[in-house]
PDB file of N, CA and C in Angstrom:
ATOM      1  N   MET A   1       7.495 187.822 159.843  1.00  0.00           N
ATOM      2  CA  MET A   1       7.757 187.265 161.042  1.00  0.00           C
ATOM      3  C   MET A   1       7.291 187.890 162.061  1.00  0.00           C
ATOM      4  N   SER A   2       7.030 186.436 163.118  1.00  0.00           N
ATOM      5  CA  SER A   2       6.062 186.858 163.868  1.00  0.00           C
ATOM      6  C   SER A   2       6.910 187.694 165.010  1.00  0.00           C
ATOM      7  N   ASP A   3       6.507 187.997 165.923  1.00  0.00           N
ATOM      8  CA  ASP A   3       7.215 188.611 167.075  1.00  0.00           C
ATOM      9  C   ASP A   3       7.935 187.721 167.927  1.00  0.00           C
ATOM     10  N   ASP A   4       7.087 186.562 168.053  1.00  0.00           N
ATOM     11  CA  ASP A   4       7.643 185.112 169.032  1.00  0.00           C
ATOM     12  C   ASP A   4       9.335 184.676 168.047  1.00  0.00           C
ATOM     13  N   LYS A   5       8.946 184.694 166.567  1.00  0.00           N
ATOM     14  CA  LYS A   5      10.350 184.477 166.276  1.00  0.00           C
ATOM     15  C   LYS A   5      11.321 185.194 166.391  1.00  0.00           C
ATOM     16  N   ALA A   6      11.177 186.610 166.133  1.00  0.00           N
ATOM     17  CA  ALA A   6      12.120 187.615 166.212  1.00  0.00           C
ATOM     18  C   ALA A   6      12.782 187.638 167.825  1.00  0.00           C
ATOM     19  N   ALA A   7      11.698 187.439 168.623  1.00  0.00           N
ATOM     20  CA  ALA A   7      12.377 187.565 170.196  1.00  0.00           C
ATOM     21  C   ALA A   7      13.036 186.264 170.037  1.00  0.00           C
ATOM     22  N   ASP A   8      12.828 185.062 169.748  1.00  0.00           N
ATOM     23  CA  ASP A   8      13.688 183.600 169.812  1.00  0.00           C
ATOM     24  C   ASP A   8      15.012 183.697 168.919  1.00  0.00           C
ATOM     25  N   GLU A   9      15.083 184.574 167.951  1.00  0.00           N
ATOM     26  CA  GLU A   9      16.298 184.809 167.240  1.00  0.00           C
ATOM     27  C   GLU A   9      17.050 185.863 167.859  1.00  0.00           C
ATOM     28  N   LYS A  10      16.717 186.680 168.873  1.00  0.00           N
ATOM     29  CA  LYS A  10      17.467 187.772 169.504  1.00  0.00           C
ATOM     30  C   LYS A  10      17.794 186.778 171.308  1.00  0.00           C
ATOM     31  N   LEU A  11      17.153 186.430 171.487  1.00  0.00           N
ATOM     32  CA  LEU A  11      17.671 185.601 172.550  1.00  0.00           C
ATOM     33  C   LEU A  11      18.552 184.574 172.137  1.00  0.00           C
ATOM     34  N   ALA A  12      18.556 183.620 171.477  1.00  0.00           N
ATOM     35  CA  ALA A  12      19.222 182.799 170.738  1.00  0.00           C
ATOM     36  C   ALA A  12      20.750 183.423 170.922  1.00  0.00           C
ATOM     37  N   ASP A  13      20.792 184.537 170.020  1.00  0.00           N
ATOM     38  CA  ASP A  13      22.049 185.437 169.685  1.00  0.00           C
ATOM     39  C   ASP A  13      22.731 185.661 170.971  1.00  0.00           C
ATOM     40  N   ILE A  14      22.040 185.826 172.005  1.00  0.00           N
ATOM     41  CA  ILE A  14      22.081 186.296 173.316  1.00  0.00           C
ATOM     42  C   ILE A  14      22.922 185.167 174.272  1.00  0.00           C
ATOM     43  N   LEU A  15      22.023 183.960 173.919  1.00  0.00           N
ATOM     44  CA  LEU A  15      22.636 182.875 174.970  1.00  0.00           C
ATOM     45  C   LEU A  15      23.667 182.051 174.297  1.00  0.00           C
ATOM     46  N   HIS A  16      23.651 182.109 172.932  1.00  0.00           N
ATOM     47  CA  HIS A  16      24.515 181.357 172.311  1.00  0.00           C
ATOM     48  C   HIS A  16      25.360 182.151 171.105  1.00  0.00           C
ATOM     49  N   PRO A  17      26.252 183.271 171.770  1.00  0.00           N
ATOM     50  CA  PRO A  17      26.898 184.288 171.177  1.00  0.00           C
ATOM     51  C   PRO A  17      27.567 183.189 169.772  1.00  0.00           C
ATOM     52  N   SER A  18      27.779 183.838 169.052  1.00  0.00           N
ATOM     53  CA  SER A  18      28.468 183.206 167.643  1.00  0.00           C
ATOM     54  C   SER A  18      29.630 184.389 166.902  1.00  0.00           C
ATOM     55  N   THR A  19      30.973 184.143 166.800  1.00  0.00           N
ATOM     56  CA  THR A  19      31.781 184.884 165.867  1.00  0.00           C
ATOM     57  C   THR A  19      31.743 184.808 164.601  1.00  0.00           C
ATOM     58  N   LYS A  20      30.852 183.960 164.166  1.00  0.00           N
ATOM     59  CA  LYS A  20      30.351 183.869 162.853  1.00  0.00           C
ATOM     60  C   LYS A  20      28.888 183.853 162.714  1.00  0.00           C
ATOM     61  N   ALA A  21      28.045 185.323 162.575  1.00  0.00           N
ATOM     62  CA  ALA A  21      26.837 185.336 162.126  1.00  0.00           C
ATOM     63  C   ALA A  21      26.148 184.577 160.926  1.00  0.00           C
ATOM     64  N   LYS A  22      24.859 184.041 161.231  1.00  0.00           N
ATOM     65  CA  LYS A  22      24.304 183.217 160.119  1.00  0.00           C
ATOM     66  C   LYS A  22      23.997 183.979 159.063  1.00  0.00           C
ATOM     67  N   GLU A  23      23.658 185.307 159.105  1.00  0.00           N
ATOM     68  CA  GLU A  23      23.184 186.360 158.231  1.00  0.00           C
ATOM     69  C   GLU A  23      23.334 187.585 158.247  1.00  0.00           C
ATOM     70  N   PHE A  24      24.211 188.620 158.011  1.00  0.00           N
ATOM     71  CA  PHE A  24      24.325 189.896 158.169  1.00  0.00           C
ATOM     72  C   PHE A  24      23.002 190.646 158.519  1.00  0.00           C
ATOM     73  N   LYS A  25      22.435 191.343 159.371  1.00  0.00           N
ATOM     74  CA  LYS A  25      21.398 191.808 159.427  1.00  0.00           C
ATOM     75  C   LYS A  25      21.588 193.434 160.366  1.00  0.00           C
ATOM     76  N   ILE A  26      20.857 194.597 159.752  1.00  0.00           N
ATOM     77  CA  ILE A  26      20.590 195.685 160.202  1.00  0.00           C
ATOM     78  C   ILE A  26      19.253 195.796 161.298  1.00  0.00           C
ATOM     79  N   THR A  27      19.195 196.012 162.438  1.00  0.00           N
ATOM     80  CA  THR A  27      17.927 196.556 162.802  1.00  0.00           C
ATOM     81  C   THR A  27      17.806 198.161 163.050  1.00  0.00           C
ATOM     82  N   LEU A  28      16.744 199.041 162.844  1.00  0.00           N
ATOM     83  CA  LEU A  28      16.456 200.453 163.052  1.00  0.00           C
ATOM     84  C   LEU A  28      15.496 200.134 164.098  1.00  0.00           C
ATOM     85  N   GLU A  29      15.328 200.712 165.009  1.00  0.00           N
ATOM     86  CA  GLU A  29      14.659 200.718 166.788  1.00  0.00           C
ATOM     87  C   GLU A  29      14.173 202.297 166.662  1.00  0.00           C
ATOM     88  N   PHE A  30      13.076 202.591 166.600  1.00  0.00           N
ATOM     89  CA  PHE A  30      12.839 204.162 166.937  1.00  0.00           C
ATOM     90  C   PHE A  30      11.541 204.398 167.585  1.00  0.00           C
ATOM     91  N   GLY A  31      11.377 205.452 168.274  1.00  0.00           N
ATOM     92  CA  GLY A  31      10.193 205.828 169.257  1.00  0.00           C
ATOM     93  C   GLY A  31       9.254 206.972 168.634  1.00  0.00           C
ATOM     94  N   TYR A  32       8.291 207.121 169.603  1.00  0.00           N
ATOM     95  CA  TYR A  32       7.230 207.794 168.927  1.00  0.00           C
ATOM     96  C   TYR A  32       7.854 209.285 168.652  1.00  0.00           C
ATOM     97  N   ARG A  33       7.663 210.272 167.706  1.00  0.00           N
ATOM     98  CA  ARG A  33       8.383 211.404 167.424  1.00  0.00           C
ATOM     99  C   ARG A  33       7.222 212.261 166.781  1.00  0.00           C
ATOM    100  N   LEU A  34       7.239 213.670 167.596  1.00  0.00           N
ATOM    101  CA  LEU A  34       5.890 214.301 166.593  1.00  0.00           C
ATOM    102  C   LEU A  34       6.874 215.165 165.352  1.00  0.00           C
ATOM    103  N   SER A  35       6.507 214.436 164.308  1.00  0.00           N
ATOM    104  CA  SER A  35       7.113 214.758 163.305  1.00  0.00           C
ATOM    105  C   SER A  35       5.994 214.147 161.783  1.00  0.00           C
ATOM    106  N   PRO A  36       6.042 214.875 160.745  1.00  0.00           N
ATOM    107  CA  PRO A  36       4.842 214.722 159.776  1.00  0.00           C
ATOM    108  C   PRO A  36       5.589 213.368 159.243  1.00  0.00           C
ATOM    109  N   ASP A  37       6.873 212.755 159.697  1.00  0.00           N
ATOM    110  CA  ASP A  37       7.688 211.687 158.918  1.00  0.00           C
ATOM    111  C   ASP A  37       7.292 210.643 159.728  1.00  0.00           C
ATOM    112  N   TYR A  38       6.978 210.546 160.742  1.00  0.00           N
ATOM    113  CA  TYR A  38       6.590 209.830 162.098  1.00  0.00           C
ATOM    114  C   TYR A  38       5.627 208.654 161.276  1.00  0.00           C
ATOM    115  N   PRO A  39       4.683 208.892 160.669  1.00  0.00           N
ATOM    116  CA  PRO A  39       3.304 207.937 160.528  1.00  0.00           C
ATOM    117  C   PRO A  39       4.156 207.308 159.088  1.00  0.00           C
ATOM    118  N   LYS A  40       4.461 207.920 158.020  1.00  0.00           N
ATOM    119  CA  LYS A  40       5.158 207.339 157.098  1.00  0.00           C
ATOM    120  C   LYS A  40       6.262 206.281 157.489  1.00  0.00           C
ATOM    121  N   ALA A  41       7.232 206.754 158.601  1.00  0.00           N
ATOM    122  CA  ALA A  41       8.067 205.533 159.210  1.00  0.00           C
ATOM    123  C   ALA A  41       7.461 204.158 159.769  1.00  0.00           C
ATOM    124  N   VAL A  42       6.737 204.496 160.687  1.00  0.00           N
ATOM    125  CA  VAL A  42       6.022 203.651 160.976  1.00  0.00           C
ATOM    126  C   VAL A  42       4.989 202.468 159.975  1.00  0.00           C
ATOM    127  N   ASP A  43       4.514 203.030 158.824  1.00  0.00           N
ATOM    128  CA  ASP A  43       4.170 202.519 158.004  1.00  0.00           C
ATOM    129  C   ASP A  43       5.409 201.331 157.168  1.00  0.00           C
ATOM    130  N   LEU A  44       6.185 202.295 156.885  1.00  0.00           N
ATOM    131  CA  LEU A  44       7.298 201.470 156.230  1.00  0.00           C
ATOM    132  C   LEU A  44       7.781 200.129 157.234  1.00  0.00           C
ATOM    133  N   ALA A  45       7.975 200.554 158.678  1.00  0.00           N
ATOM    134  CA  ALA A  45       8.646 199.625 159.427  1.00  0.00           C
ATOM    135  C   ALA A  45       7.274 198.576 159.644  1.00  0.00           C
ATOM    136  N   LYS A  46       6.486 198.350 159.728  1.00  0.00           N
ATOM    137  CA  LYS A  46       5.184 197.477 159.539  1.00  0.00           C
ATOM    138  C   LYS A  46       5.111 196.694 158.262  1.00  0.00           C
ATOM    139  N   LYS A  47       5.872 197.153 157.386  1.00  0.00           N
ATOM    140  CA  LYS A  47       5.961 196.453 156.292  1.00  0.00           C
ATOM    141  C   LYS A  47       6.882 195.003 156.128  1.00  0.00           C
ATOM    142  N   ASN A  48       7.794 195.427 156.926  1.00  0.00           N
ATOM    143  CA  ASN A  48       9.253 194.765 157.193  1.00  0.00           C
ATOM    144  C   ASN A  48       8.493 193.403 157.924  1.00  0.00           C
ATOM    145  N   PRO A  49       8.826 192.247 157.444  1.00  0.00           N
ATOM    146  CA  PRO A  49       8.536 190.840 158.025  1.00  0.00           C
ATOM    147  C   PRO A  49       8.939 190.770 159.382  1.00  0.00           C
ATOM    148  N   ALA A  50       9.830 191.434 159.872  1.00  0.00           N
ATOM    149  CA  ALA A  50      10.455 191.318 160.855  1.00  0.00           C
ATOM    150  C   ALA A  50      10.186 192.366 161.758  1.00  0.00           C
ATOM    151  N   TYR A  51       9.095 193.019 162.079  1.00  0.00           N
ATOM    152  CA  TYR A  51       8.586 194.486 162.598  1.00  0.00           C
ATOM    153  C   TYR A  51       8.087 193.720 163.965  1.00  0.00           C
ATOM    154  N   THR A  52       8.520 194.313 164.734  1.00  0.00           N
ATOM    155  CA  THR A  52       7.988 194.267 166.241  1.00  0.00           C
ATOM    156  C   THR A  52       7.885 195.735 166.943  1.00  0.00           C
ATOM    157  N   GLU A  53       6.694 195.510 167.577  1.00  0.00           N
ATOM    158  CA  GLU A  53       6.662 196.718 168.609  1.00  0.00           C
ATOM    159  C   GLU A  53       6.379 196.834 169.910  1.00  0.00           C
ATOM    160  N   GLU A  54       6.814 197.621 170.824  1.00  0.00           N
ATOM    161  CA  GLU A  54       6.832 197.372 172.148  1.00  0.00           C
ATOM    162  C   GLU A  54       6.446 198.603 173.061  1.00  0.00           C
ATOM    163  N   GLY A  55       5.002 198.255 173.895  1.00  0.00           N
ATOM    164  CA  GLY A  55       4.909 199.745 174.359  1.00  0.00           C
ATOM    165  C   GLY A  55       4.157 200.081 173.725  1.00  0.00           C
ATOM    166  N   ALA A  56       3.352 201.418 174.512  1.00  0.00           N
ATOM    167  CA  ALA A  56       2.072 202.175 173.617  1.00  0.00           C
ATOM    168  C   ALA A  56       2.168 203.698 173.983  1.00  0.00           C
ATOM    169  N   GLY A  57       1.452 204.679 173.124  1.00  0.00           N
ATOM    170  CA  GLY A  57       1.525 205.912 173.495  1.00  0.00           C
ATOM    171  C   GLY A  57       3.032 206.327 173.053  1.00  0.00           C
ATOM    172  N   GLU A  58       3.436 207.388 173.699  1.00  0.00           N
ATOM    173  CA  GLU A  58       4.669 208.152 173.960  1.00  0.00           C
ATOM    174  C   GLU A  58       6.201 206.672 173.854  1.00  0.00           C
ATOM    175  N   TRP A  59       5.601 206.101 174.361  1.00  0.00           N
ATOM    176  CA  TRP A  59       6.801 204.942 174.785  1.00  0.00           C
ATOM    177  C   TRP A  59       6.750 203.858 173.789  1.00  0.00           C
ATOM    178  N   VAL A  60       6.055 203.836 172.837  1.00  0.00           N
ATOM    179  CA  VAL A  60       6.458 202.943 171.819  1.00  0.00           C
ATOM    180  C   VAL A  60       7.524 202.892 171.111  1.00  0.00           C
ATOM    181  N   ARG A  61       7.801 201.608 170.992  1.00  0.00           N
ATOM    182  CA  ARG A  61       9.158 201.696 170.369  1.00  0.00           C
ATOM    183  C   ARG A  61       9.251 200.280 169.012  1.00  0.00           C
ATOM    184  N   HIS A  62       9.610 200.941 167.651  1.00  0.00           N
ATOM    185  CA  HIS A  62       9.406 200.231 166.799  1.00  0.00           C
ATOM    186  C   HIS A  62      10.687 199.667 166.583  1.00  0.00           C
ATOM    187  N   SER A  63      10.458 198.379 165.932  1.00  0.00           N
ATOM    188  CA  SER A  63      11.608 197.575 165.130  1.00  0.00           C
ATOM    189  C   SER A  63      11.499 197.138 164.378  1.00  0.00           C
ATOM    190  N   ALA A  64      12.673 197.131 162.941  1.00  0.00           N
ATOM    191  CA  ALA A  64      12.644 196.467 161.808  1.00  0.00           C
ATOM    192  C   ALA A  64      13.948 195.880 161.671  1.00  0.00           C
ATOM    193  N   THR A  65      14.268 194.728 160.857  1.00  0.00           N
ATOM    194  CA  THR A  65      15.093 194.275 160.769  1.00  0.00           C
ATOM    195  C   THR A  65      15.747 193.997 159.268  1.00  0.00           C
ATOM    196  N   PHE A  66      16.483 194.509 158.908  1.00  0.00           N
ATOM    197  CA  PHE A  66      16.923 194.200 157.215  1.00  0.00           C
ATOM    198  C   PHE A  66      17.830 193.204 156.899  1.00  0.00           C
ATOM    199  N   THR A  67      17.986 192.811 156.223  1.00  0.00           N
ATOM    200  CA  THR A  67      19.156 191.970 155.463  1.00  0.00           C
ATOM    201  C   THR A  67      19.744 192.444 154.144  1.00  0.00           C
ATOM    202  N   PRO A  68      20.771 192.426 153.616  1.00  0.00           N
ATOM    203  CA  PRO A  68      21.293 192.791 152.603  1.00  0.00           C
ATOM    204  C   PRO A  68      20.192 193.012 151.423  1.00  0.00           C
ATOM    205  N   ALA A  69      19.492 191.939 151.458  1.00  0.00           N
ATOM    206  CA  ALA A  69      19.045 192.006 150.332  1.00  0.00           C
ATOM    207  C   ALA A  69      17.465 193.122 150.451  1.00  0.00           C
ATOM    208  N   GLN A  70      17.215 193.681 151.484  1.00  0.00           N
ATOM    209  CA  GLN A  70      16.136 194.744 152.258  1.00  0.00           C
ATOM    210  C   GLN A  70      16.766 196.235 152.088  1.00  0.00           C
ATOM    211  N   VAL A  71      18.022 195.812 151.675  1.00  0.00           N
ATOM    212  CA  VAL A  71      18.827 197.346 151.310  1.00  0.00           C
ATOM    213  C   VAL A  71      17.857 198.717 151.087  1.00  0.00           C
ATOM    214  N   ASP A  72      17.222 198.615 149.979  1.00  0.00           N
ATOM    215  CA  ASP A  72      16.341 199.759 149.549  1.00  0.00           C
ATOM    216  C   ASP A  72      15.112 199.712 150.642  1.00  0.00           C
ATOM    217  N   ASP A  73      14.665 198.923 151.431  1.00  0.00           N
ATOM    218  CA  ASP A  73      13.632 199.477 152.413  1.00  0.00           C
ATOM    219  C   ASP A  73      14.290 199.730 153.429  1.00  0.00           C
ATOM    220  N   LEU A  74      15.498 199.511 153.887  1.00  0.00           N
ATOM    221  CA  LEU A  74      16.621 200.024 154.968  1.00  0.00           C
ATOM    222  C   LEU A  74      16.630 201.570 154.767  1.00  0.00           C
ATOM    223  N   PHE A  75      17.275 201.798 153.157  1.00  0.00           N
ATOM    224  CA  PHE A  75      17.659 203.053 153.247  1.00  0.00           C
ATOM    225  C   PHE A  75      16.351 204.112 153.392  1.00  0.00           C
ATOM    226  N   ALA A  76      15.346 203.759 152.740  1.00  0.00           N
ATOM    227  CA  ALA A  76      13.961 204.257 152.796  1.00  0.00           C
ATOM    228  C   ALA A  76      13.747 204.784 154.490  1.00  0.00           C
ATOM    229  N   LEU A  77      13.847 203.992 155.350  1.00  0.00           N
ATOM    230  CA  LEU A  77      13.462 203.717 156.565  1.00  0.00           C
ATOM    231  C   LEU A  77      14.315 204.647 157.255  1.00  0.00           C
ATOM    232  N   PHE A  78      15.560 204.615 156.825  1.00  0.00           N
ATOM    233  CA  PHE A  78      16.183 205.024 157.614  1.00  0.00           C
ATOM    234  C   PHE A  78      16.907 206.946 157.398  1.00  0.00           C
ATOM    235  N   ASN A  79      16.469 207.267 156.144  1.00  0.00           N
ATOM    236  CA  ASN A  79      16.163 208.463 155.699  1.00  0.00           C
ATOM    237  C   ASN A  79      15.302 208.879 156.385  1.00  0.00           C
ATOM    238  N   LEU A  80      14.271 208.687 156.632  1.00  0.00           N
ATOM    239  CA  LEU A  80      13.504 209.292 157.827  1.00  0.00           C
ATOM    240  C   LEU A  80      13.635 209.360 159.637  1.00  0.00           C
ATOM    241  N   VAL A  81      14.115 208.781 159.683  1.00  0.00           N
ATOM    242  CA  VAL A  81      14.183 208.248 160.984  1.00  0.00           C
ATOM    243  C   VAL A  81      15.947 208.678 161.629  1.00  0.00           C
ATOM    244  N   HIS A  82      16.744 209.027 161.086  1.00  0.00           N
ATOM    245  CA  HIS A  82      18.451 208.996 161.290  1.00  0.00           C
ATOM    246  C   HIS A  82      18.454 210.167 162.267  1.00  0.00           C
ATOM    247  N   GLU A  83      17.702 211.246 162.275  1.00  0.00           N
ATOM    248  CA  GLU A  83      18.040 212.489 163.064  1.00  0.00           C
ATOM    249  C   GLU A  83      17.498 212.171 164.285  1.00  0.00           C
ATOM    250  N   TRP A  84      16.588 211.527 164.531  1.00  0.00           N
ATOM    251  CA  TRP A  84      15.901 211.422 165.756  1.00  0.00           C
ATOM    252  C   TRP A  84      16.709 210.831 166.680  1.00  0.00           C
ATOM    253  N   ASP A  85      15.970 211.342 167.875  1.00  0.00           N
ATOM    254  CA  ASP A  85      17.370 210.660 169.105  1.00  0.00           C
ATOM    255  C   ASP A  85      16.722 209.736 169.701  1.00  0.00           C
ATOM    256  N   THR A  86      15.401 209.310 169.088  1.00  0.00           N
ATOM    257  CA  THR A  86      15.197 207.863 169.714  1.00  0.00           C
ATOM    258  C   THR A  86      15.451 206.631 168.806  1.00  0.00           C
ATOM    259  N   THR A  87      16.099 206.915 167.772  1.00  0.00           N
ATOM    260  CA  THR A  87      16.844 205.928 166.624  1.00  0.00           C
ATOM    261  C   THR A  87      17.921 205.285 167.408  1.00  0.00           C
ATOM    262  N   GLU A  88      18.072 204.099 167.226  1.00  0.00           N
ATOM    263  CA  GLU A  88      19.391 203.088 167.268  1.00  0.00           C
ATOM    264  C   GLU A  88      19.293 202.163 166.248  1.00  0.00           C
ATOM    265  N   VAL A  89      20.696 201.749 166.147  1.00  0.00           N
ATOM    266  CA  VAL A  89      20.945 200.900 164.961  1.00  0.00           C
ATOM    267  C   VAL A  89      21.662 199.938 165.539  1.00  0.00           C
ATOM    268  N   LEU A  90      21.159 198.626 165.447  1.00  0.00           N
ATOM    269  CA  LEU A  90      21.963 197.521 165.924  1.00  0.00           C
ATOM    270  C   LEU A  90      22.136 196.897 164.821  1.00  0.00           C
ATOM    271  N   VAL A  91      23.596 195.594 164.879  1.00  0.00           N
ATOM    272  CA  VAL A  91      24.220 194.818 163.852  1.00  0.00           C
ATOM    273  C   VAL A  91      23.995 193.684 164.344  1.00  0.00           C
ATOM    274  N   ASN A  92      22.936 192.547 163.717  1.00  0.00           N
ATOM    275  CA  ASN A  92      23.087 191.527 163.991  1.00  0.00           C
ATOM    276  C   ASN A  92      22.286 191.517 165.618  1.00  0.00           C
ATOM    277  N   HIS A  93      21.247 192.418 165.942  1.00  0.00           N
ATOM    278  CA  HIS A  93      20.954 192.407 167.301  1.00  0.00           C
ATOM    279  C   HIS A  93      21.440 192.926 168.336  1.00  0.00           C
ATOM    280  N   LYS A  94      22.728 193.476 167.823  1.00  0.00           N
ATOM    281  CA  LYS A  94      23.557 193.905 169.207  1.00  0.00           C
ATOM    282  C   LYS A  94      23.716 195.536 168.837  1.00  0.00           C
ATOM    283  N   ARG A  95      24.099 196.046 170.301  1.00  0.00           N
ATOM    284  CA  ARG A  95      24.360 197.638 169.978  1.00  0.00           C
ATOM    285  C   ARG A  95      26.093 197.688 169.913  1.00  0.00           C
ATOM    286  N   ILE A  96      26.329 198.177 168.904  1.00  0.00           N
ATOM    287  CA  ILE A  96      27.779 198.003 169.040  1.00  0.00           C
ATOM    288  C   ILE A  96      28.161 199.434 168.785  1.00  0.00           C
ATOM    289  N   PRO A  97      29.766 200.235 168.806  1.00  0.00           N
ATOM    290  CA  PRO A  97      30.048 201.233 168.543  1.00  0.00           C
ATOM    291  C   PRO A  97      30.043 201.642 166.810  1.00  0.00           C
ATOM    292  N   TYR A  98      29.345 202.811 166.894  1.00  0.00           N
ATOM    293  CA  TYR A  98      29.304 203.375 165.184  1.00  0.00           C
ATOM    294  C   TYR A  98      28.477 202.575 164.439  1.00  0.00           C
ATOM    295  N   ALA A  99      27.386 201.771 164.780  1.00  0.00           N
ATOM    296  CA  ALA A  99      26.827 201.506 163.739  1.00  0.00           C
ATOM    297  C   ALA A  99      26.091 202.221 163.104  1.00  0.00           C
ATOM    298  N   HIS A 100      25.524 203.659 163.837  1.00  0.00           N
ATOM    299  CA  HIS A 100      24.898 204.458 162.936  1.00  0.00           C
ATOM    300  C   HIS A 100      26.092 205.111 161.961  1.00  0.00           C
ATOM    301  N   GLN A 101      27.189 205.255 162.504  1.00  0.00           N
ATOM    302  CA  GLN A 101      28.037 206.151 161.557  1.00  0.00           C
ATOM    303  C   GLN A 101      29.274 205.158 160.579  1.00  0.00           C
ATOM    304  N   LEU A 102      29.220 203.837 160.595  1.00  0.00           N
ATOM    305  CA  LEU A 102      29.723 203.084 160.173  1.00  0.00           C
ATOM    306  C   LEU A 102      29.201 202.081 159.313  1.00  0.00           C
ATOM    307  N   TRP A 103      28.040 201.238 159.845  1.00  0.00           N
ATOM    308  CA  TRP A 103      27.655 199.888 159.653  1.00  0.00           C
ATOM    309  C   TRP A 103      26.391 200.423 158.194  1.00  0.00           C
ATOM    310  N   ILE A 104      25.649 201.183 158.711  1.00  0.00           N
ATOM    311  CA  ILE A 104      25.095 201.847 158.024  1.00  0.00           C
ATOM    312  C   ILE A 104      25.219 202.005 156.596  1.00  0.00           C
ATOM    313  N   PRO A 105      26.297 203.334 156.761  1.00  0.00           N
ATOM    314  CA  PRO A 105      26.842 203.320 155.125  1.00  0.00           C
ATOM    315  C   PRO A 105      27.524 202.437 154.195  1.00  0.00           C
ATOM    316  N   LEU A 106      28.047 201.362 155.058  1.00  0.00           N
ATOM    317  CA  LEU A 106      28.318 200.032 154.503  1.00  0.00           C
ATOM    318  C   LEU A 106      27.614 199.685 153.629  1.00  0.00           C
ATOM    319  N   MET A 107      26.372 199.387 154.596  1.00  0.00           N
ATOM    320  CA  MET A 107      25.066 198.687 153.433  1.00  0.00           C
ATOM    321  C   MET A 107      24.739 199.335 152.359  1.00  0.00           C
ATOM    322  N   TRP A 108      24.871 200.668 152.485  1.00  0.00           N
ATOM    323  CA  TRP A 108      24.653 201.061 150.921  1.00  0.00           C
ATOM    324  C   TRP A 108      25.644 200.725 149.536  1.00  0.00           C
ATOM    325  N   PHE A 109      26.391 199.912 150.225  1.00  0.00           N
ATOM    326  CA  PHE A 109      27.518 199.222 148.957  1.00  0.00           C
ATOM    327  C   PHE A 109      26.290 198.130 148.268  1.00  0.00           C
ATOM    328  N   TYR A 110      25.237 197.380 149.019  1.00  0.00           N
ATOM    329  CA  TYR A 110      24.505 196.555 148.471  1.00  0.00           C
ATOM    330  C   TYR A 110      23.444 197.342 147.624  1.00  0.00           C
ATOM    331  N   ARG A 111      23.176 198.424 147.513  1.00  0.00           N
ATOM    332  CA  ARG A 111      22.747 199.171 146.767  1.00  0.00           C
ATOM    333  C   ARG A 111      22.855 199.410 145.203  1.00  0.00           C
ATOM    334  N   ILE A 112      24.300 199.148 145.223  1.00  0.00           N
ATOM    335  CA  ILE A 112      24.759 199.140 144.162  1.00  0.00           C
ATOM    336  C   ILE A 112      24.812 197.803 143.087  1.00  0.00           C
ATOM    337  N   ARG A 113      24.113 197.821 141.817  1.00  0.00           N
ATOM    338  CA  ARG A 113      23.915 196.630 141.247  1.00  0.00           C
ATOM    339  C   ARG A 113      24.418 196.870 139.756  1.00  0.00           C
TER     340      ARG A 113
END
């Protein structure tokens, strides 16, 4: 997904909020971190079709959006970045309470096959 398409999706969600989402999505956003896991996390995020990057250097923000079909990729990236203070979890492009503590564990049910 291109940066423009991801931005258009976010804008559409803001301008036309719906009580029914078209598709359930979890977005992980994280910033620069002095950690051996940082390059791995960036590589994993960049493999995501909905990857976006804003800013540069120490102020860079990486964003990757996952659907239930991509839960294994979400799990791999989340395990690298979940303890970083720069990490945010969004549900359908929105910051909601307990996204990190509640919604991410609920996604793990999609790992059961």
